[in-house]
Amino acid sequence: MLVFAVLLMLAVTSLHAQERVRIDGQVQWVAGTRMQVMTGGGSVAVDLRQADQAARRGLRPAERVIVDGFVAEDRRSIVAREIWRIGYDQSAGQAP
């Protein structure tokens, strides 16, 4: 809910500006150039195409990450610029 509110607030700003954001959460799933991250405020779609390939290689469900990027033009996802791995919680298992 919090993530939705943040994205909604950003929607009223200029569409030409790239609103920088940082999210902290657990990877739910990764497929190709897309990733879903669960934050304290909800689930966030992340576009990985502009992130460093080495940083996105080997991302796994339940791994904690911090993603720096900007709100996508369609306002439905975050475009990742940088990804930092915080750790992997093996007790969490795989995301549904």
Protein backbone atom coordinates (compact mmCIF):
# COMPACT_ATOMS: atom_id res chain seq x y z
CA MET A 1 0.00 0.00 0.00
CA LEU A 2 2.82 2.40 0.89
CA VAL A 3 4.58 1.71 -2.42
CA PHE A 4 1.33 2.38 -4.29
CA ALA A 5 0.93 5.69 -2.43
CA VAL A 6 4.50 6.71 -3.28
CA LEU A 7 4.02 5.86 -6.96
CA LEU A 8 0.70 7.72 -6.96
CA MET A 9 2.32 10.82 -5.45
CA LEU A 10 5.05 10.66 -8.08
CA ALA A 11 2.38 10.51 -10.79
CA VAL A 12 1.41 14.13 -10.15
CA THR A 13 4.93 15.37 -10.83
CA SER A 14 6.30 16.15 -14.26
CA LEU A 15 6.20 13.20 -16.62
CA HIS A 16 9.43 14.35 -18.23
CA ALA A 17 11.51 14.06 -15.07
CA GLN A 18 12.95 10.73 -14.01
CA GLU A 19 11.87 10.35 -10.39
CA ARG A 20 14.66 8.54 -8.58
CA VAL A 21 13.62 5.88 -6.11
CA ARG A 22 15.22 3.32 -3.81
CA ILE A 23 13.45 0.18 -2.68
CA ASP A 24 14.55 -2.36 -0.11
CA GLY A 25 12.93 -5.78 -0.06
CA GLN A 26 13.03 -9.48 -0.87
CA VAL A 27 13.12 -10.89 -4.37
CA GLN A 28 9.88 -12.76 -5.09
CA TRP A 29 10.86 -13.94 -8.57
CA VAL A 30 13.19 -13.13 -11.47
CA ALA A 31 12.49 -13.93 -15.13
CA GLY A 32 14.65 -12.56 -17.92
CA THR A 33 14.66 -8.78 -17.62
CA ARG A 34 11.91 -8.58 -14.95
CA MET A 35 11.95 -8.98 -11.19
CA GLN A 36 9.30 -8.68 -8.49
CA VAL A 37 10.38 -7.37 -5.07
CA MET A 38 8.31 -7.53 -1.88
CA THR A 39 8.83 -4.43 0.27
CA GLY A 40 7.28 -3.47 3.58
CA GLY A 41 4.63 -1.60 1.61
CA GLY A 42 3.80 -4.21 -1.03
CA SER A 43 5.08 -5.84 -4.18
CA VAL A 44 6.98 -3.81 -6.78
CA ALA A 45 7.73 -4.72 -10.41
CA VAL A 46 11.34 -4.00 -11.44
CA ASP A 47 12.67 -3.69 -14.99
CA LEU A 48 16.26 -5.01 -15.05
CA ARG A 49 17.29 -4.01 -18.58
CA GLN A 50 19.38 -0.99 -17.49
CA ALA A 51 20.96 -2.68 -14.46
CA ASP A 52 24.49 -4.01 -14.61
CA GLN A 53 24.40 -7.59 -15.88
CA ALA A 54 26.81 -8.77 -13.18
CA ALA A 55 24.55 -7.33 -10.47
CA ARG A 56 21.44 -9.09 -11.74
CA ARG A 57 23.09 -12.43 -12.53
CA GLY A 58 22.13 -15.10 -10.03
CA LEU A 59 19.40 -13.17 -8.19
CA ARG A 60 17.28 -15.67 -6.27
CA PRO A 61 13.88 -15.67 -4.57
CA ALA A 62 14.02 -14.65 -0.88
CA GLU A 63 17.31 -12.77 -1.43
CA ARG A 64 17.24 -9.30 0.14
CA VAL A 65 18.11 -6.47 -2.25
CA ILE A 66 18.26 -2.71 -2.48
CA VAL A 67 17.35 -1.32 -5.90
CA ASP A 68 18.17 2.21 -7.05
CA GLY A 69 16.40 3.42 -10.15
CA PHE A 70 13.56 5.55 -11.41
CA VAL A 71 9.84 5.25 -12.02
CA ALA A 72 9.15 3.83 -15.48
CA GLU A 73 7.40 6.01 -18.02
CA ASP A 74 4.24 3.86 -17.78
CA ARG A 75 4.37 4.32 -13.96
CA ARG A 76 3.81 0.60 -13.40
CA SER A 77 7.33 -0.40 -12.43
CA ILE A 78 10.76 0.75 -11.31
CA VAL A 79 13.60 0.76 -13.85
CA ALA A 80 16.65 -0.51 -11.96
CA ARG A 81 19.98 1.27 -12.40
CA GLU A 82 21.83 -0.46 -9.56
CA ILE A 83 21.14 -3.53 -7.44
CA TRP A 84 22.82 -4.40 -4.16
CA ARG A 85 22.46 -7.83 -2.59
CA ILE A 86 22.05 -7.71 1.16
CA GLY A 87 21.92 -11.45 1.78
CA TYR A 88 20.00 -14.63 1.20
CA ASP A 89 17.58 -15.97 3.79
CA GLN A 90 17.58 -19.71 3.17
CA SER A 91 14.90 -20.27 5.81
CA ALA A 92 12.42 -18.18 3.79
CA GLY A 93 12.24 -20.68 0.92
CA GLN A 94 10.86 -19.68 -2.45
CA ALA A 95 8.27 -17.01 -3.03
CA PRO A 96 4.87 -18.24 -4.21
